[in-house]
Amino acid sequence: MSFFKNKNQFMSLSFLLLATLMGYMLLLFLTKGNFAYAISAPYIHMSIAKYFIMDGMLSVDGETYSSATSAPLWMMLISPFYKLLGAKLFVYLSAVLNLLFQMFTILLLFKIVEKFTTQKLHYGYGILVILGTPFVTLTLGGAEHSLQIFLIIGFIYYFISYLQDRDNEAYQLKLLLLAPFIVFVRYEDIAFIVAVAMVVAFYLREWKFALSLLFSSLIFVLIFAFWSAIVLGIDPVPTSIIAKTTVNQLSFIEKFLANLRQPHIVVLLTLNFAIFIMAFKKNSQPLFVLSTVFIMTLIAHLLFARLGWMFRYEAYLITFGLLNIILYQHLFPLPKRWFLAILAFLLLGLSKQIAYSPIYASFSAKKIYEQKIQTANFVKEYYTASHLTTDNIGSIPYFSDVKVFDIHGLTNPEIISLKKKKIYTDKIKKALILKKNNEMIIAYSSRFKEEHIEGYTKIVEWRVTNRLHPSDSVVSFYSRDDKRKEYYLKLKNYSKELPQTVEVVWNISPKGDVL
């Protein structure tokens, strides 16, 4: 325990490790001992890392250049480990890194509170952040969000130091160095940097530093965009951002109002607005500035970014908002009655994160294992052609060497261009599929309409039942007619390896006739 400054740090980190262990115990119980992530993103990141290291390509499948991630820093961080660990061990890296960055974040929170309030942080607050963010869910997800949180909390640490000693140029330098990494880990973090810069410019009247901060934050993004557009000849904006933007039919105001109804958003915004008012009245500049930055960033996120997907998109805001609440309680302790009332209000607003999201993530990982991992294994073992039409990017190109034609468009510049023009219709999709003429089409039935495609026949459906995660429950396998019997036999053989929870529904007979 001597490694930690106090037992509260030890208790918080021990709780994080125990909670993570329990999350994985549930996941492994559901998948009969098989590892899987709860979302598709880590498999896309792993596939990009694989081809970036092995072939020097920014690509999901090693054939088409594509900036299919809005988290290039994460991709660059994990890529060197692919060669070091090998494909099998590399799968676990994202989970390990998430846990490590969460541990560093907890230690940073203790450091912030103890340095700027001269009080010890009770481990109960650490547990609140772990459960409320929610850290276990982020680890099960395996994406870049724990790194995002760590960088932002680190920035806040030096920002508070700067607020308390504005003549110390070392703090400004550290903020300028951190800013580009923050935006490069998640592009929407530019809202956080802009909020900080606006406060620095208009409230602190430090215009030169504010402009320097904005410029610094964009350095990596601009270099990456230039490299993508000029060197690789692809869209400088990540295709993941374009794909998500093109499907959003809500106006900014409609999106803002819809997002504002979420309980955790209501609670965090209400409490931080109260902190904003009280900090102003009590002349607490650091807390006033932090609450201002939080509110501005939250509003920008509600207008332009996404919520949901197991709270991973807004996780950094949850940690930030909770930090402000913790700092206020340590600087201006509330009477016990008020403290308990606000704690109950906070726990009620975060109840989904605390009680539901880790369970949901475990069931989501079970579904990923039953669908995406099984599909990738089938392709690896039985698919002999070099190209495949699918909407299951990530796991298929990572676990096999097959090149994919992505009908969803995330990795396909041609489809992204059509989506930007809002002309990517089912008719055009069908024409592109016929043009590719790949031996098989593997797609979710919810995304791939049951229209007849000349020269193709549906062979089978894999159906899963998941009450916590009911969407996209059917994966359909289509074969080119000249390969119908061959792939029927291959799918028949592989169906023996499927988990018992996967229902197999055949669309053709053993003779190759449509049922």
Protein backbone atom coordinates (compact mmCIF):
# COMPACT_ATOMS: atom_id res chain seq x y z
CA MET A 1 0.00 0.00 0.00
CA SER A 2 3.07 2.27 0.30
CA PHE A 3 2.81 2.87 -3.47
CA PHE A 4 -0.30 4.95 -2.81
CA LYS A 5 -0.35 8.19 -0.83
CA ASN A 6 -3.31 7.11 1.26
CA LYS A 7 -5.72 4.27 1.77
CA ASN A 8 -8.47 6.13 -0.12
CA GLN A 9 -6.52 5.80 -3.36
CA PHE A 10 -5.94 2.13 -2.64
CA MET A 11 -9.64 1.56 -1.90
CA SER A 12 -10.78 3.36 -5.05
CA LEU A 13 -8.39 1.49 -7.33
CA SER A 14 -9.20 -1.81 -5.65
CA PHE A 15 -12.88 -1.17 -6.27
CA LEU A 16 -12.16 -0.39 -9.93
CA LEU A 17 -10.24 -3.64 -10.35
CA LEU A 18 -12.94 -5.64 -8.56
CA ALA A 19 -15.77 -4.05 -10.56
CA THR A 20 -13.90 -4.68 -13.82
CA LEU A 21 -13.29 -8.29 -12.82
CA MET A 22 -16.99 -8.76 -12.07
CA GLY A 23 -17.89 -7.24 -15.45
CA TYR A 24 -15.63 -9.70 -17.25
CA MET A 25 -16.87 -12.61 -15.16
CA LEU A 26 -20.40 -11.87 -16.37
CA LEU A 27 -19.19 -11.44 -19.96
CA LEU A 28 -17.26 -14.73 -19.93
CA PHE A 29 -20.20 -16.50 -18.30
CA LEU A 30 -22.50 -15.31 -21.10
CA THR A 31 -20.04 -16.26 -23.87
CA LYS A 32 -18.96 -19.58 -22.32
CA GLY A 33 -15.45 -18.30 -21.69
CA ASN A 34 -14.92 -16.43 -24.96
CA PHE A 35 -13.60 -12.86 -25.02
CA ALA A 36 -15.36 -10.16 -27.02
CA TYR A 37 -15.82 -6.40 -26.89
CA ALA A 38 -19.22 -4.82 -26.45
CA ILE A 39 -19.03 -2.63 -29.57
CA SER A 40 -17.58 -2.85 -33.08
CA ALA A 41 -15.18 0.10 -32.75
CA PRO A 42 -12.20 -1.76 -31.21
CA TYR A 43 -12.24 -4.31 -34.04
CA ILE A 44 -12.13 -1.48 -36.57
CA HIS A 45 -9.24 0.10 -34.66
CA MET A 46 -7.42 -3.24 -34.50
CA SER A 47 -7.89 -3.83 -38.21
CA ILE A 48 -6.55 -0.36 -39.04
CA ALA A 49 -3.58 -0.97 -36.73
CA LYS A 50 -2.91 -4.33 -38.39
CA TYR A 51 -2.65 -2.92 -41.90
CA PHE A 52 -0.95 0.29 -40.77
CA ILE A 53 1.90 -1.72 -39.22
CA MET A 54 2.07 -4.61 -41.70
CA ASP A 55 1.48 -2.74 -44.97
CA GLY A 56 1.93 0.94 -44.08
CA MET A 57 -1.66 1.64 -45.14
CA LEU A 58 -4.35 3.69 -43.43
CA SER A 59 -6.99 1.10 -44.21
CA VAL A 60 -9.48 -1.24 -42.60
CA ASP A 61 -8.93 -4.09 -45.06
CA GLY A 62 -5.49 -3.44 -46.52
CA GLU A 63 -6.85 -2.47 -49.93
CA THR A 64 -8.80 0.80 -49.74
CA TYR A 65 -7.31 3.85 -48.05
CA SER A 66 -9.78 5.18 -45.52
CA SER A 67 -9.69 7.32 -42.40
CA ALA A 68 -12.45 5.27 -40.79
CA THR A 69 -11.84 6.50 -37.25
CA SER A 70 -12.32 9.85 -35.51
CA ALA A 71 -9.76 8.72 -32.90
CA PRO A 72 -6.44 8.68 -34.81
CA LEU A 73 -4.36 9.12 -31.64
CA TRP A 74 -5.78 5.87 -30.24
CA MET A 75 -5.05 4.06 -33.48
CA MET A 76 -1.46 5.31 -33.46
CA LEU A 77 -1.05 4.40 -29.80
CA ILE A 78 -2.12 0.78 -30.20
CA SER A 79 -0.57 0.11 -33.64
CA PRO A 80 3.03 -0.65 -32.54
CA PHE A 81 1.74 -3.31 -30.15
CA TYR A 82 0.32 -5.39 -33.04
CA LYS A 83 3.78 -6.52 -34.10
CA LEU A 84 5.00 -6.75 -30.52
CA LEU A 85 2.13 -8.87 -29.17
CA GLY A 86 0.92 -10.73 -32.25
CA ALA A 87 -2.66 -10.92 -33.49
CA LYS A 88 -4.00 -13.14 -30.68
CA LEU A 89 -2.72 -11.16 -27.69
CA PHE A 90 -3.30 -7.82 -29.42
CA VAL A 91 -7.05 -8.40 -29.07
CA TYR A 92 -6.82 -7.83 -25.30
CA LEU A 93 -4.72 -4.66 -25.49
CA SER A 94 -7.60 -2.16 -25.69
CA ALA A 95 -9.19 -3.53 -22.53
CA VAL A 96 -5.89 -3.36 -20.63
CA LEU A 97 -5.19 0.20 -21.80
CA ASN A 98 -8.69 1.31 -20.82
CA LEU A 99 -8.19 -0.03 -17.32
CA LEU A 100 -4.76 1.60 -17.00
CA PHE A 101 -5.97 5.01 -18.16
CA GLN A 102 -8.89 4.77 -15.75
CA MET A 103 -6.49 4.06 -12.89
CA PHE A 104 -4.37 7.06 -13.90
CA THR A 105 -7.52 9.20 -14.04
CA ILE A 106 -8.53 8.21 -10.51
CA LEU A 107 -5.05 9.09 -9.22
CA LEU A 108 -5.28 12.43 -11.04
CA LEU A 109 -8.64 13.18 -9.41
CA PHE A 110 -7.11 12.57 -5.99
CA LYS A 111 -4.20 14.84 -6.90
CA ILE A 112 -6.51 17.63 -8.11
CA VAL A 113 -8.68 17.60 -5.00
CA GLU A 114 -5.80 17.32 -2.55
CA LYS A 115 -3.73 20.04 -4.24
CA PHE A 116 -6.44 22.62 -4.75
CA THR A 117 -8.58 22.06 -1.64
CA THR A 118 -5.81 20.84 0.73
CA GLN A 119 -8.17 18.03 1.77
CA LYS A 120 -8.06 14.27 1.35
CA LEU A 121 -10.51 12.78 -1.13
CA HIS A 122 -12.61 10.01 0.38
CA TYR A 123 -12.67 6.78 -1.63
CA GLY A 124 -16.47 7.06 -1.84
CA TYR A 125 -16.05 9.88 -4.35
CA GLY A 126 -13.65 7.74 -6.36
CA ILE A 127 -16.24 4.97 -6.45
CA LEU A 128 -18.88 7.49 -7.54
CA VAL A 129 -16.74 8.48 -10.55
CA ILE A 130 -15.98 4.84 -11.38
CA LEU A 131 -19.64 3.83 -11.35
CA GLY A 132 -21.10 7.03 -12.76
CA THR A 133 -18.83 7.55 -15.76
CA PRO A 134 -19.10 4.37 -16.12
CA PHE A 135 -15.55 3.00 -16.23
CA VAL A 136 -16.34 -0.72 -16.35
CA THR A 137 -18.60 -0.22 -19.37
CA LEU A 138 -15.86 1.71 -21.16
CA THR A 139 -13.39 -1.14 -20.57
CA LEU A 140 -15.88 -3.69 -21.87
CA GLY A 141 -16.34 -1.44 -24.90
CA GLY A 142 -12.61 -1.26 -25.57
CA ALA A 143 -12.53 2.05 -27.44
CA GLU A 144 -10.55 5.25 -26.88
CA HIS A 145 -12.78 6.99 -24.35
CA SER A 146 -10.74 6.23 -21.22
CA LEU A 147 -7.71 7.85 -22.85
CA GLN A 148 -9.90 10.82 -23.75
CA ILE A 149 -11.00 11.20 -20.12
CA PHE A 150 -7.43 10.90 -18.82
CA LEU A 151 -6.14 13.61 -21.17
CA ILE A 152 -8.98 16.00 -20.36
CA ILE A 153 -8.64 15.53 -16.60
CA GLY A 154 -4.88 16.03 -16.98
CA PHE A 155 -5.56 19.25 -18.89
CA ILE A 156 -7.92 20.40 -16.13
CA TYR A 157 -5.20 19.77 -13.54
CA TYR A 158 -2.78 22.12 -15.30
CA PHE A 159 -5.57 24.56 -16.16
CA ILE A 160 -6.43 25.01 -12.48
CA SER A 161 -2.71 25.46 -11.78
CA TYR A 162 -2.63 28.14 -14.48
CA LEU A 163 -5.67 29.89 -12.98
CA GLN A 164 -3.95 30.06 -9.61
CA ASP A 165 -0.59 31.19 -11.00
CA ARG A 166 -1.09 32.89 -14.36
CA ASP A 167 2.45 34.28 -14.43
CA ASN A 168 3.92 30.78 -14.50
CA GLU A 169 4.64 30.13 -18.17
CA ALA A 170 5.32 26.45 -17.49
CA TYR A 171 1.60 25.82 -16.99
CA GLN A 172 0.75 27.56 -20.25
CA LEU A 173 3.33 25.45 -22.06
CA LYS A 174 1.90 22.23 -20.62
CA LEU A 175 -1.61 23.24 -21.71
CA LEU A 176 -0.36 24.05 -25.21
CA LEU A 177 1.34 20.66 -25.40
CA LEU A 178 -1.72 18.75 -24.16
CA ALA A 179 -4.30 20.50 -26.37
CA PRO A 180 -3.40 18.81 -29.71
CA PHE A 181 -3.48 15.35 -28.12
CA ILE A 182 -6.95 16.01 -26.68
CA VAL A 183 -8.45 16.92 -30.06
CA PHE A 184 -6.55 14.13 -31.83
CA VAL A 185 -8.02 11.47 -29.55
CA ARG A 186 -11.61 12.57 -30.29
CA TYR A 187 -12.36 15.28 -32.85
CA GLU A 188 -15.37 16.59 -30.91
CA ASP A 189 -13.00 17.57 -28.09
CA ILE A 190 -12.39 20.76 -30.03
CA ALA A 191 -15.55 22.00 -28.26
CA PHE A 192 -13.79 21.62 -24.91
CA ILE A 193 -10.70 23.50 -26.13
CA VAL A 194 -12.83 26.26 -27.67
CA ALA A 195 -14.72 26.64 -24.39
CA VAL A 196 -11.44 26.96 -22.48
CA ALA A 197 -10.07 29.43 -25.04
CA MET A 198 -13.21 31.58 -24.86
CA VAL A 199 -13.00 31.77 -21.07
CA VAL A 200 -9.29 32.61 -21.27
CA ALA A 201 -9.94 35.31 -23.88
CA PHE A 202 -13.14 36.97 -22.63
CA TYR A 203 -12.97 36.39 -18.88
CA LEU A 204 -9.23 36.36 -18.17
CA ARG A 205 -8.40 38.75 -21.05
CA GLU A 206 -5.48 36.58 -22.14
CA TRP A 207 -6.13 36.84 -25.88
CA LYS A 208 -2.68 35.79 -27.01
CA PHE A 209 -2.73 32.60 -24.96
CA ALA A 210 -6.31 31.82 -26.05
CA LEU A 211 -5.40 32.04 -29.73
CA SER A 212 -2.24 30.00 -29.15
CA LEU A 213 -4.34 27.33 -27.44
CA LEU A 214 -6.75 27.14 -30.38
CA PHE A 215 -3.94 26.95 -32.92
CA SER A 216 -2.05 24.35 -30.90
CA SER A 217 -5.12 22.13 -30.54
CA LEU A 218 -5.47 21.85 -34.32
CA ILE A 219 -1.86 21.00 -35.21
CA PHE A 220 -2.18 17.20 -35.28
CA VAL A 221 -5.63 17.29 -36.87
CA LEU A 222 -4.46 19.59 -39.67
CA ILE A 223 -1.34 17.49 -40.33
CA PHE A 224 -3.46 14.34 -40.44
CA ALA A 225 -6.03 16.01 -42.73
CA PHE A 226 -3.28 17.25 -45.07
CA TRP A 227 -1.70 13.79 -45.19
CA SER A 228 -5.09 12.17 -45.87
CA ALA A 229 -6.08 14.60 -48.63
CA ILE A 230 -2.77 15.28 -50.38
CA VAL A 231 -0.77 12.10 -49.86
CA LEU A 232 -3.49 9.43 -49.66
CA GLY A 233 -6.10 11.19 -51.78
CA ILE A 234 -8.98 10.52 -49.37
CA ASP A 235 -11.42 12.77 -47.54
CA PRO A 236 -9.60 14.81 -44.86
CA VAL A 237 -12.61 14.40 -42.57
CA PRO A 238 -12.79 10.89 -41.02
CA THR A 239 -15.41 8.79 -42.75
CA SER A 240 -16.88 7.77 -39.40
CA ILE A 241 -17.88 11.41 -38.80
CA ILE A 242 -19.31 11.79 -42.31
CA ALA A 243 -21.25 8.53 -42.09
CA LYS A 244 -22.84 9.48 -38.76
CA THR A 245 -23.60 13.03 -39.91
CA THR A 246 -25.34 11.96 -43.10
CA VAL A 247 -27.83 9.70 -41.29
CA ASN A 248 -28.82 12.35 -38.74
CA GLN A 249 -32.13 13.86 -39.83
CA LEU A 250 -32.66 16.10 -36.79
CA SER A 251 -31.90 19.81 -36.75
CA PHE A 252 -29.41 21.10 -34.19
CA ILE A 253 -32.20 22.39 -31.95
CA GLU A 254 -34.19 19.16 -32.20
CA LYS A 255 -31.06 17.18 -31.41
CA PHE A 256 -30.25 19.46 -28.47
CA LEU A 257 -33.73 19.14 -26.97
CA ALA A 258 -33.77 15.36 -27.46
CA ASN A 259 -30.38 14.99 -25.77
CA LEU A 260 -31.32 17.38 -22.99
CA ARG A 261 -34.05 15.00 -21.82
CA GLN A 262 -31.53 12.37 -20.72
CA PRO A 263 -31.57 12.03 -16.89
CA HIS A 264 -27.79 12.14 -16.43
CA ILE A 265 -27.55 15.26 -18.58
CA VAL A 266 -30.32 16.98 -16.61
CA VAL A 267 -28.66 16.17 -13.28
CA LEU A 268 -25.12 17.18 -14.28
CA LEU A 269 -26.27 20.37 -16.00
CA THR A 270 -28.48 21.37 -13.06
CA LEU A 271 -25.80 20.80 -10.43
CA ASN A 272 -23.05 22.46 -12.45
CA PHE A 273 -25.26 25.46 -13.15
CA ALA A 274 -25.83 25.75 -9.40
CA ILE A 275 -22.05 25.54 -8.89
CA PHE A 276 -21.60 28.25 -11.54
CA ILE A 277 -23.88 30.61 -9.57
CA MET A 278 -22.51 29.76 -6.13
CA ALA A 279 -18.87 29.95 -7.25
CA PHE A 280 -19.54 33.42 -8.66
CA LYS A 281 -21.15 34.53 -5.39
CA LYS A 282 -18.33 33.06 -3.31
CA ASN A 283 -15.66 34.51 -5.63
CA SER A 284 -14.12 31.09 -6.30
CA GLN A 285 -12.47 31.76 -9.65
CA PRO A 286 -11.21 28.23 -10.48
CA LEU A 287 -14.58 26.63 -9.75
CA PHE A 288 -16.45 29.39 -11.58
CA VAL A 289 -14.23 28.92 -14.63
CA LEU A 290 -14.48 25.10 -14.55
CA SER A 291 -18.28 25.15 -14.30
CA THR A 292 -18.42 27.68 -17.16
CA VAL A 293 -16.21 25.49 -19.37
CA PHE A 294 -18.29 22.42 -18.48
CA ILE A 295 -21.61 24.09 -19.35
CA MET A 296 -20.27 25.47 -22.64
CA THR A 297 -18.76 22.11 -23.63
CA LEU A 298 -21.92 20.23 -22.68
CA ILE A 299 -24.13 22.55 -24.74
CA ALA A 300 -21.82 22.20 -27.76
CA HIS A 301 -21.81 18.42 -27.36
CA LEU A 302 -25.60 18.29 -27.17
CA LEU A 303 -25.84 20.38 -30.34
CA PHE A 304 -23.21 18.77 -32.53
CA ALA A 305 -22.16 15.38 -31.11
CA ARG A 306 -23.82 12.17 -30.00
CA LEU A 307 -24.98 10.64 -26.76
CA GLY A 308 -25.46 7.00 -25.92
CA TRP A 309 -23.88 3.78 -27.15
CA MET A 310 -23.34 2.82 -23.51
CA PHE A 311 -22.62 6.46 -22.54
CA ARG A 312 -19.18 6.36 -24.13
CA TYR A 313 -19.60 9.56 -26.16
CA GLU A 314 -20.43 11.71 -23.13
CA ALA A 315 -18.29 9.82 -20.61
CA TYR A 316 -15.68 12.60 -20.47
CA LEU A 317 -18.42 15.09 -19.60
CA ILE A 318 -19.71 12.87 -16.80
CA THR A 319 -16.25 12.66 -15.21
CA PHE A 320 -15.72 16.42 -15.69
CA GLY A 321 -19.12 17.26 -14.20
CA LEU A 322 -18.57 14.97 -11.23
CA LEU A 323 -15.15 16.52 -10.59
CA ASN A 324 -16.74 19.97 -10.33
CA ILE A 325 -19.30 18.64 -7.85
CA ILE A 326 -16.58 16.98 -5.76
CA LEU A 327 -14.44 20.14 -5.75
CA TYR A 328 -17.38 22.27 -4.64
CA GLN A 329 -18.21 19.91 -1.76
CA HIS A 330 -14.59 20.03 -0.57
CA LEU A 331 -14.29 23.81 -0.87
CA PHE A 332 -17.74 24.65 0.49
CA PRO A 333 -19.07 21.65 2.44
CA LEU A 334 -22.85 21.37 2.40
CA PRO A 335 -24.92 20.62 5.50
CA LYS A 336 -25.57 16.90 5.88
CA ARG A 337 -29.23 17.20 4.88
CA TRP A 338 -28.41 19.06 1.66
CA PHE A 339 -25.51 16.74 0.91
CA LEU A 340 -27.68 13.63 1.18
CA ALA A 341 -30.46 15.19 -0.93
CA ILE A 342 -28.05 16.16 -3.71
CA LEU A 343 -26.34 12.78 -3.55
CA ALA A 344 -29.72 11.05 -3.96
CA PHE A 345 -30.53 13.36 -6.90
CA LEU A 346 -27.16 12.55 -8.47
CA LEU A 347 -27.46 8.80 -7.99
CA LEU A 348 -30.97 8.86 -9.45
CA GLY A 349 -29.73 10.66 -12.57
CA LEU A 350 -26.80 8.26 -12.96
CA SER A 351 -28.77 5.12 -12.12
CA LYS A 352 -28.53 3.70 -15.66
CA GLN A 353 -24.76 4.08 -15.71
CA ILE A 354 -24.37 2.59 -12.25
CA ALA A 355 -26.79 -0.34 -12.29
CA TYR A 356 -27.60 -1.05 -15.92
CA SER A 357 -24.79 -0.16 -18.32
CA PRO A 358 -22.19 -2.80 -17.27
CA ILE A 359 -24.82 -5.54 -17.57
CA TYR A 360 -25.98 -4.15 -20.92
CA ALA A 361 -22.36 -4.04 -22.12
CA SER A 362 -21.82 -7.68 -21.15
CA PHE A 363 -24.90 -8.77 -23.10
CA SER A 364 -23.80 -6.60 -26.01
CA ALA A 365 -20.41 -8.36 -25.98
CA LYS A 366 -22.25 -11.68 -26.03
CA LYS A 367 -24.06 -10.52 -29.15
CA ILE A 368 -20.82 -9.38 -30.79
CA TYR A 369 -19.39 -12.83 -30.08
CA GLU A 370 -22.46 -14.60 -31.49
CA GLN A 371 -22.57 -12.50 -34.66
CA LYS A 372 -19.45 -10.58 -35.65
CA ILE A 373 -16.87 -12.98 -34.24
CA GLN A 374 -18.68 -16.03 -35.63
CA THR A 375 -19.01 -14.37 -39.03
CA ALA A 376 -15.31 -13.52 -39.04
CA ASN A 377 -14.40 -17.08 -38.04
CA PHE A 378 -16.55 -18.50 -40.84
CA VAL A 379 -14.89 -16.21 -43.38
CA LYS A 380 -11.44 -17.12 -42.10
CA GLU A 381 -12.08 -20.88 -42.21
CA TYR A 382 -14.30 -21.32 -45.27
CA TYR A 383 -14.29 -18.29 -47.54
CA THR A 384 -11.78 -18.85 -50.33
CA ALA A 385 -12.36 -15.74 -52.46
CA SER A 386 -10.29 -12.59 -51.96
CA HIS A 387 -13.19 -10.13 -51.72
CA LEU A 388 -16.46 -10.08 -49.77
CA THR A 389 -19.47 -7.76 -49.68
CA THR A 390 -20.52 -7.00 -46.12
CA ASP A 391 -21.46 -4.39 -43.53
CA ASN A 392 -19.44 -6.20 -40.84
CA ILE A 393 -16.20 -4.26 -41.05
CA GLY A 394 -13.58 -4.58 -38.37
CA SER A 395 -13.80 -8.17 -37.20
CA ILE A 396 -13.75 -9.77 -40.68
CA PRO A 397 -10.66 -7.95 -42.00
CA TYR A 398 -8.90 -8.27 -38.64
CA PHE A 399 -9.33 -12.02 -38.20
CA SER A 400 -8.89 -12.81 -41.91
CA ASP A 401 -7.12 -11.38 -44.94
CA VAL A 402 -10.29 -10.93 -46.99
CA LYS A 403 -10.86 -7.53 -48.59
CA VAL A 404 -14.30 -6.13 -47.88
CA PHE A 405 -16.70 -4.05 -49.93
CA ASP A 406 -18.41 -2.12 -47.14
CA ILE A 407 -22.02 -1.46 -48.16
CA HIS A 408 -22.54 0.66 -45.03
CA GLY A 409 -19.89 3.02 -46.37
CA LEU A 410 -17.69 3.59 -43.35
CA THR A 411 -14.56 2.41 -45.16
CA ASN A 412 -15.60 3.10 -48.75
CA PRO A 413 -14.82 6.59 -50.16
CA GLU A 414 -17.19 6.07 -53.10
CA ILE A 415 -20.18 5.36 -50.86
CA ILE A 416 -19.22 8.17 -48.47
CA SER A 417 -19.24 10.55 -51.45
CA LEU A 418 -22.71 9.33 -52.42
CA LYS A 419 -23.93 9.72 -48.84
CA LYS A 420 -22.60 13.28 -48.67
CA LYS A 421 -24.65 14.06 -51.77
CA LYS A 422 -27.61 12.22 -50.19
CA ILE A 423 -28.03 9.99 -53.26
CA TYR A 424 -26.99 6.63 -51.80
CA THR A 425 -30.27 4.84 -52.47
CA ASP A 426 -31.11 1.12 -52.32
CA LYS A 427 -31.06 1.08 -56.12
CA ILE A 428 -27.50 2.44 -56.22
CA LYS A 429 -26.46 0.07 -53.45
CA LYS A 430 -27.76 -2.88 -55.49
CA ALA A 431 -25.96 -1.64 -58.61
CA LEU A 432 -22.66 -1.37 -56.73
CA ILE A 433 -23.07 -4.87 -55.30
CA LEU A 434 -23.69 -6.30 -58.77
CA LYS A 435 -20.70 -4.39 -60.12
CA LYS A 436 -18.43 -5.92 -57.46
CA ASN A 437 -19.86 -9.40 -58.16
CA ASN A 438 -18.32 -10.89 -55.01
CA GLU A 439 -19.10 -14.51 -54.18
CA MET A 440 -20.94 -13.70 -50.94
CA ILE A 441 -22.88 -10.93 -49.23
CA ILE A 442 -23.02 -10.99 -45.42
CA ALA A 443 -25.17 -8.28 -43.88
CA TYR A 444 -27.52 -7.41 -41.05
CA SER A 445 -31.11 -7.80 -42.21
CA SER A 446 -32.03 -4.47 -40.61
CA ARG A 447 -29.56 -2.66 -42.89
CA PHE A 448 -29.91 -4.82 -45.98
CA LYS A 449 -33.44 -4.86 -47.34
CA GLU A 450 -34.92 -8.13 -48.56
CA GLU A 451 -34.88 -7.10 -52.20
CA HIS A 452 -34.01 -9.58 -54.91
CA ILE A 453 -30.48 -9.10 -56.20
CA GLU A 454 -30.02 -10.65 -59.59
CA GLY A 455 -27.62 -13.56 -59.46
CA TYR A 456 -27.69 -13.93 -55.64
CA THR A 457 -29.69 -16.16 -53.29
CA LYS A 458 -30.05 -15.96 -49.54
CA ILE A 459 -28.72 -19.19 -48.04
CA VAL A 460 -29.23 -18.80 -44.33
CA GLU A 461 -29.99 -16.46 -41.45
CA TRP A 462 -28.26 -16.48 -38.08
CA ARG A 463 -30.67 -15.22 -35.46
CA VAL A 464 -29.90 -14.30 -31.87
CA THR A 465 -32.24 -13.38 -29.04
CA ASN A 466 -31.01 -10.63 -26.75
CA ARG A 467 -33.65 -8.78 -24.79
CA LEU A 468 -31.22 -6.15 -23.55
CA HIS A 469 -29.87 -5.57 -27.07
CA PRO A 470 -32.70 -6.48 -29.48
CA SER A 471 -31.60 -4.47 -32.55
CA ASP A 472 -29.71 -6.08 -35.45
CA SER A 473 -30.62 -9.58 -34.31
CA VAL A 474 -30.41 -11.27 -37.74
CA VAL A 475 -27.36 -11.74 -39.98
CA SER A 476 -28.11 -12.92 -43.52
CA PHE A 477 -25.76 -14.81 -45.84
CA TYR A 478 -26.21 -14.49 -49.60
CA SER A 479 -24.28 -16.45 -52.20
CA ARG A 480 -23.73 -15.84 -55.87
CA ASP A 481 -25.86 -18.42 -57.67
CA ASP A 482 -22.90 -20.24 -59.21
CA LYS A 483 -21.52 -20.78 -55.68
CA ARG A 484 -24.82 -21.57 -53.96
CA LYS A 485 -24.28 -25.27 -53.25
CA GLU A 486 -20.65 -24.76 -52.27
CA TYR A 487 -21.45 -22.14 -49.63
CA TYR A 488 -24.49 -24.03 -48.44
CA LEU A 489 -22.21 -26.93 -47.53
CA LYS A 490 -19.62 -24.64 -45.96
CA LEU A 491 -22.23 -22.84 -43.87
CA LYS A 492 -23.76 -26.20 -42.94
CA ASN A 493 -20.40 -27.39 -41.67
CA TYR A 494 -19.69 -24.20 -39.76
CA SER A 495 -23.16 -24.14 -38.19
CA LYS A 496 -22.00 -27.04 -36.00
CA GLU A 497 -19.45 -24.67 -34.42
CA LEU A 498 -21.97 -21.92 -33.64
CA PRO A 499 -22.99 -21.22 -30.04
CA GLN A 500 -26.23 -22.93 -29.11
CA THR A 501 -27.82 -19.51 -28.61
CA VAL A 502 -27.64 -18.82 -32.37
CA GLU A 503 -30.71 -19.99 -34.30
CA VAL A 504 -29.93 -21.14 -37.84
CA VAL A 505 -32.74 -20.62 -40.38
CA TRP A 506 -32.09 -22.08 -43.83
CA ASN A 507 -33.46 -20.48 -46.96
CA ILE A 508 -32.38 -23.22 -49.39
CA SER A 509 -32.51 -27.01 -49.32
CA PRO A 510 -29.50 -29.36 -49.37
CA LYS A 511 -30.03 -29.64 -53.13
CA GLY A 512 -29.68 -25.89 -53.49
CA ASP A 513 -33.37 -25.17 -54.10
CA VAL A 514 -34.93 -22.08 -52.54
CA LEU A 515 -37.34 -23.01 -49.76
